[in-house]
Amino acid sequence: MTPSPPPSKLGIALRVGLYALIGWLTLVISATLMVWILGRRDTLFVIAALSGFAAAAVANAIVVRIYERGRLSDLGLGWTSTALREFLTGAGLAAGAATLILAGSWAVRAAHFERVPGSEHPWSSLIFVSIVLLFGAAGEEMLFHGYAFQLLIRSLGAFATILPVSIIFGLAHLGNQNSSKLAIFNTILWGILLGYAYWRTRALWLPIGLHFGWNFALPLFGVNLSGFTMNVMGYALRWRAGDLWSGGDYGLEGSVLTTAVVVVLFFAVHRVFPERLQE
């Protein structure tokens, strides 16, 4: 997005407020429609992912058009020579980290796999869930690190923007099933990582990749994702370790293992991706 002259403090507040209002209204309307169409049973994660994507797309498209005369692709979503590399590297780093933790826990007998009732067509279900998770990851990144976030970065700086937005990102997960204080703390850390990933690359491809890679790996191993149980592959990872290590019914994101992983991923992003100056 080509930066326009910085608005006044009142102008920033009005833009961010309009963005939040449009996003919230779209989220409520789209979620209500999807509940009416799909029902609530076994579809909550689909509703959450798709309604979040709708809210992000509509809020960004409208506000960018009003204030920047731009397009949705200008919000760090333009297809550049580095876009695919950033997305795939992010997805690989996050999925690899999750795999290392979960496979390692199984290898040292801290957890074991157990057959559970699942889909009759696990691979087609996995493809469907992966597509939904991709929309969900893209939607959350556009919503929390889209126009309003990027405007605040330009106007207030990285530190003054990333931390407050990350706290909001964490608190937005308070309503998830089986949430805990550690889960919310870890989600705030994830928000810091994802915001930092945007700041390093000035694009959303790396944060979307990180977000999607992590979200994809957990259900693949039969682990709850942010409180959602999917059972797409017909097995689940059952822990012998306590909730501090497993995250309990919330899933791995409620564990100290995730706390450590986010710190490692932060330094990996810092090392692999040099800061790209705003054009």
Protein backbone atom coordinates (compact mmCIF):
# COMPACT_ATOMS: atom_id res chain seq x y z
CA MET A 1 0.00 0.00 0.00
CA THR A 2 1.42 3.39 -1.00
CA PRO A 3 1.40 5.46 2.21
CA SER A 4 -0.76 8.55 2.19
CA PRO A 5 0.17 11.61 4.30
CA PRO A 6 -0.19 10.67 7.99
CA PRO A 7 -3.61 11.69 9.34
CA SER A 8 -4.09 13.57 12.60
CA LYS A 9 -4.63 11.68 15.85
CA LEU A 10 -8.36 12.25 15.48
CA GLY A 11 -8.18 11.02 11.90
CA ILE A 12 -6.37 7.86 13.01
CA ALA A 13 -8.98 7.21 15.71
CA LEU A 14 -11.84 7.69 13.21
CA ARG A 15 -10.27 5.36 10.66
CA VAL A 16 -9.51 2.64 13.18
CA GLY A 17 -12.97 3.04 14.71
CA LEU A 18 -14.70 2.73 11.34
CA TYR A 19 -12.58 -0.30 10.50
CA ALA A 20 -13.49 -1.99 13.80
CA LEU A 21 -17.19 -1.15 13.41
CA ILE A 22 -17.42 -2.53 9.87
CA GLY A 23 -15.49 -5.64 10.88
CA TRP A 24 -17.68 -6.28 13.92
CA LEU A 25 -20.94 -5.76 12.04
CA THR A 26 -19.83 -8.02 9.20
CA LEU A 27 -18.69 -10.66 11.68
CA VAL A 28 -22.02 -10.67 13.50
CA ILE A 29 -24.09 -10.72 10.32
CA SER A 30 -22.03 -13.40 8.54
CA ALA A 31 -21.82 -15.63 11.63
CA THR A 32 -25.58 -15.34 12.18
CA LEU A 33 -26.28 -16.28 8.56
CA MET A 34 -23.90 -19.24 8.68
CA VAL A 35 -25.40 -20.54 11.93
CA TRP A 36 -28.83 -20.35 10.28
CA ILE A 37 -27.58 -22.16 7.16
CA LEU A 38 -25.21 -24.71 8.69
CA GLY A 39 -26.48 -25.08 12.22
CA ARG A 40 -24.12 -25.16 15.20
CA ARG A 41 -23.41 -28.87 15.59
CA ASP A 42 -19.85 -29.75 14.51
CA THR A 43 -19.58 -26.58 12.42
CA LEU A 44 -18.42 -23.98 14.93
CA PHE A 45 -14.86 -23.84 13.65
CA VAL A 46 -16.13 -23.50 10.06
CA ILE A 47 -18.42 -20.65 11.09
CA ALA A 48 -15.65 -18.95 13.07
CA ALA A 49 -13.13 -19.21 10.23
CA LEU A 50 -15.38 -18.13 7.37
CA SER A 51 -17.17 -15.34 9.24
CA GLY A 52 -13.78 -13.99 10.37
CA PHE A 53 -12.54 -14.02 6.79
CA ALA A 54 -15.68 -12.22 5.61
CA ALA A 55 -15.32 -9.56 8.31
CA ALA A 56 -11.66 -8.98 7.46
CA ALA A 57 -12.22 -8.81 3.71
CA VAL A 58 -15.16 -6.40 3.93
CA ALA A 59 -13.60 -4.11 6.57
CA ASN A 60 -10.30 -3.84 4.72
CA ALA A 61 -11.84 -3.43 1.27
CA ILE A 62 -14.18 -0.63 2.34
CA VAL A 63 -11.77 1.36 4.51
CA VAL A 64 -8.85 1.07 2.09
CA ARG A 65 -11.08 2.21 -0.73
CA ILE A 66 -12.36 5.20 1.25
CA TYR A 67 -9.06 6.47 2.66
CA GLU A 68 -6.32 5.14 0.40
CA ARG A 69 -8.10 4.76 -2.94
CA GLY A 70 -6.44 1.36 -2.99
CA ARG A 71 -7.28 -2.29 -3.37
CA LEU A 72 -7.35 -5.23 -0.98
CA SER A 73 -4.18 -6.58 -2.59
CA ASP A 74 -2.34 -3.42 -1.51
CA LEU A 75 -2.52 -4.49 2.15
CA GLY A 76 0.57 -6.64 1.92
CA LEU A 77 -1.31 -9.17 -0.20
CA GLY A 78 0.14 -8.27 -3.57
CA TRP A 79 1.76 -11.23 -5.34
CA THR A 80 5.44 -10.31 -5.37
CA SER A 81 8.58 -12.28 -6.15
CA THR A 82 8.97 -13.13 -2.44
CA ALA A 83 5.32 -13.88 -1.57
CA LEU A 84 5.42 -17.65 -2.13
CA ARG A 85 8.73 -18.01 -0.32
CA GLU A 86 7.45 -16.09 2.70
CA PHE A 87 4.23 -18.10 2.88
CA LEU A 88 5.89 -21.50 2.48
CA THR A 89 8.74 -20.67 4.86
CA GLY A 90 6.29 -19.49 7.51
CA ALA A 91 4.08 -22.55 7.08
CA GLY A 92 7.10 -24.85 7.18
CA LEU A 93 8.57 -23.25 10.30
CA ALA A 94 5.31 -23.38 12.27
CA ALA A 95 4.21 -26.84 11.10
CA GLY A 96 7.72 -28.16 11.68
CA ALA A 97 7.78 -26.77 15.23
CA ALA A 98 4.40 -28.33 16.03
CA THR A 99 5.47 -31.65 14.51
CA LEU A 100 8.70 -31.67 16.50
CA ILE A 101 6.82 -31.14 19.77
CA LEU A 102 4.04 -33.64 19.12
CA ALA A 103 6.15 -36.37 17.51
CA GLY A 104 8.77 -35.87 20.20
CA SER A 105 6.16 -36.21 22.96
CA TRP A 106 4.98 -39.47 21.38
CA ALA A 107 8.56 -40.74 21.01
CA VAL A 108 9.35 -40.22 24.71
CA ARG A 109 5.98 -41.77 25.67
CA ALA A 110 4.61 -38.56 27.12
CA ALA A 111 1.61 -39.09 24.80
CA HIS A 112 0.08 -41.85 22.70
CA PHE A 113 -2.28 -42.12 19.75
CA GLU A 114 -5.78 -43.47 20.21
CA ARG A 115 -8.47 -44.32 17.68
CA VAL A 116 -11.57 -42.12 17.96
CA PRO A 117 -14.76 -41.75 15.92
CA GLY A 118 -13.94 -39.62 12.91
CA SER A 119 -14.86 -39.00 9.32
CA GLU A 120 -15.51 -41.96 7.00
CA HIS A 121 -13.37 -40.17 4.42
CA PRO A 122 -10.42 -38.80 6.42
CA TRP A 123 -8.32 -37.51 3.51
CA SER A 124 -11.17 -35.61 1.87
CA SER A 125 -12.07 -34.26 5.32
CA LEU A 126 -8.46 -33.17 5.83
CA ILE A 127 -8.50 -31.30 2.52
CA PHE A 128 -11.75 -29.56 3.46
CA VAL A 129 -10.48 -28.67 6.94
CA SER A 130 -7.20 -27.40 5.48
CA ILE A 131 -9.04 -25.06 3.13
CA VAL A 132 -11.17 -23.76 5.99
CA LEU A 133 -8.07 -23.29 8.15
CA LEU A 134 -6.36 -21.38 5.35
CA PHE A 135 -9.33 -19.02 5.10
CA GLY A 136 -9.34 -18.73 8.89
CA ALA A 137 -5.63 -17.90 9.07
CA ALA A 138 -5.86 -15.39 6.22
CA GLY A 139 -8.96 -13.82 7.78
CA GLU A 140 -7.41 -13.36 11.23
CA GLU A 141 -4.23 -11.90 9.75
CA MET A 142 -6.18 -9.49 7.54
CA LEU A 143 -8.40 -8.52 10.46
CA PHE A 144 -5.71 -7.99 13.12
CA HIS A 145 -2.79 -7.01 10.89
CA GLY A 146 -4.61 -5.38 8.00
CA TYR A 147 -5.43 -1.72 7.38
CA ALA A 148 -5.85 -0.50 10.97
CA PHE A 149 -2.71 -2.27 12.18
CA GLN A 150 -0.64 -1.01 9.25
CA LEU A 151 -1.93 2.54 9.72
CA LEU A 152 -0.95 2.44 13.39
CA ILE A 153 2.50 1.04 12.54
CA ARG A 154 3.08 3.95 10.15
CA SER A 155 1.76 6.52 12.60
CA LEU A 156 2.86 5.27 16.04
CA GLY A 157 5.70 2.84 15.36
CA ALA A 158 6.10 -0.91 15.69
CA PHE A 159 6.37 -1.33 19.47
CA ALA A 160 3.44 0.97 20.28
CA THR A 161 1.28 -0.98 17.82
CA ILE A 162 2.30 -4.64 17.97
CA LEU A 163 1.92 -5.15 21.74
CA PRO A 164 -1.55 -3.56 22.19
CA VAL A 165 -2.93 -5.29 19.08
CA SER A 166 -1.48 -8.59 20.31
CA ILE A 167 -3.26 -8.19 23.64
CA ILE A 168 -6.54 -7.60 21.79
CA PHE A 169 -5.77 -10.67 19.64
CA GLY A 170 -5.30 -12.78 22.77
CA LEU A 171 -8.40 -11.46 24.52
CA ALA A 172 -10.46 -12.21 21.40
CA HIS A 173 -9.90 -15.91 22.20
CA LEU A 174 -11.30 -15.67 25.72
CA GLY A 175 -14.62 -17.12 24.58
CA ASN A 176 -13.04 -20.24 23.09
CA GLN A 177 -13.92 -23.53 24.75
CA ASN A 178 -11.67 -24.63 27.64
CA SER A 179 -9.61 -21.45 27.47
CA SER A 180 -7.09 -20.77 30.25
CA LYS A 181 -4.81 -17.97 31.40
CA LEU A 182 -1.79 -19.68 29.85
CA ALA A 183 -3.68 -20.19 26.58
CA ILE A 184 -4.51 -16.49 26.38
CA PHE A 185 -0.93 -15.55 27.29
CA ASN A 186 0.38 -17.82 24.53
CA THR A 187 -2.10 -16.34 22.07
CA ILE A 188 -0.80 -12.87 22.93
CA LEU A 189 2.73 -14.15 22.27
CA TRP A 190 1.51 -15.50 18.93
CA GLY A 191 0.06 -12.07 18.19
CA ILE A 192 3.46 -10.48 18.86
CA LEU A 193 5.16 -13.03 16.58
CA LEU A 194 2.66 -12.52 13.76
CA GLY A 195 2.76 -8.74 14.05
CA TYR A 196 6.55 -8.83 14.05
CA ALA A 197 6.48 -11.09 10.97
CA TYR A 198 4.46 -8.44 9.15
CA TRP A 199 6.81 -5.69 10.28
CA ARG A 200 9.89 -7.59 9.06
CA THR A 201 8.45 -8.25 5.59
CA ARG A 202 5.85 -5.45 5.21
CA ALA A 203 3.53 -8.12 3.83
CA LEU A 204 0.96 -10.59 5.19
CA TRP A 205 2.28 -13.71 3.46
CA LEU A 206 4.71 -14.68 6.23
CA PRO A 207 2.21 -14.24 9.10
CA ILE A 208 -0.47 -16.09 7.12
CA GLY A 209 2.01 -18.92 6.51
CA LEU A 210 3.00 -19.13 10.18
CA HIS A 211 -0.64 -19.04 11.27
CA PHE A 212 -1.77 -21.66 8.76
CA GLY A 213 1.17 -24.01 9.29
CA TRP A 214 0.56 -24.21 13.02
CA ASN A 215 -3.22 -24.54 12.66
CA PHE A 216 -2.81 -27.27 10.02
CA ALA A 217 -0.38 -29.41 12.02
CA LEU A 218 -2.41 -29.68 15.23
CA PRO A 219 -5.56 -31.36 13.80
CA LEU A 220 -3.33 -33.56 11.61
CA PHE A 221 -1.92 -35.04 14.82
CA GLY A 222 -5.37 -35.27 16.42
CA VAL A 223 -4.83 -32.36 18.81
CA ASN A 224 -7.44 -29.76 19.73
CA LEU A 225 -6.96 -26.38 18.06
CA SER A 226 -7.79 -23.39 20.28
CA GLY A 227 -10.48 -25.44 22.02
CA PHE A 228 -11.94 -26.94 18.82
CA THR A 229 -11.98 -30.73 18.37
CA MET A 230 -11.99 -31.83 14.73
CA ASN A 231 -11.21 -35.58 14.64
CA VAL A 232 -10.72 -35.54 10.89
CA MET A 233 -8.17 -38.37 10.75
CA GLY A 234 -9.86 -40.80 13.14
CA TYR A 235 -7.26 -40.65 15.91
CA ALA A 236 -6.28 -38.36 18.76
CA LEU A 237 -3.09 -37.72 20.68
CA ARG A 238 -3.75 -38.55 24.34
CA TRP A 239 -1.31 -37.14 26.86
CA ARG A 240 0.14 -38.88 29.89
CA ALA A 241 1.68 -35.56 30.95
CA GLY A 242 -0.32 -32.94 32.84
CA ASP A 243 -2.23 -29.98 31.43
CA LEU A 244 0.77 -27.68 31.86
CA TRP A 245 2.52 -29.66 29.12
CA SER A 246 -0.45 -30.75 27.02
CA GLY A 247 -2.69 -27.69 27.28
CA GLY A 248 -5.62 -29.84 28.41
CA ASP A 249 -8.83 -29.72 26.41
CA TYR A 250 -7.83 -26.39 24.87
CA GLY A 251 -5.00 -28.04 23.00
CA LEU A 252 -1.27 -27.49 22.68
CA GLU A 253 -1.66 -23.70 22.63
CA GLY A 254 -2.50 -23.84 26.33
CA SER A 255 0.85 -25.42 27.25
CA VAL A 256 4.31 -24.22 28.23
CA LEU A 257 5.63 -26.06 25.15
CA THR A 258 3.89 -23.50 22.95
CA THR A 259 5.34 -20.68 25.04
CA ALA A 260 8.83 -21.97 24.22
CA VAL A 261 8.00 -22.58 20.55
CA VAL A 262 6.78 -19.02 19.96
CA VAL A 263 10.02 -17.62 21.39
CA VAL A 264 12.06 -19.89 19.10
CA LEU A 265 9.94 -18.95 16.06
CA PHE A 266 10.40 -15.26 16.88
CA PHE A 267 14.18 -15.58 16.65
CA ALA A 268 13.85 -17.74 13.53
CA VAL A 269 11.81 -15.02 11.81
CA HIS A 270 14.33 -12.40 12.93
CA ARG A 271 17.21 -14.41 11.51
CA VAL A 272 15.65 -15.63 8.24
CA PHE A 273 13.88 -12.42 7.19
CA PRO A 274 15.78 -9.12 7.18
CA GLU A 275 13.65 -6.06 7.83
CA ARG A 276 12.14 -4.73 4.63
CA LEU A 277 11.86 -0.96 4.63
CA GLN A 278 8.48 0.57 3.78
CA GLU A 279 8.43 1.70 0.19
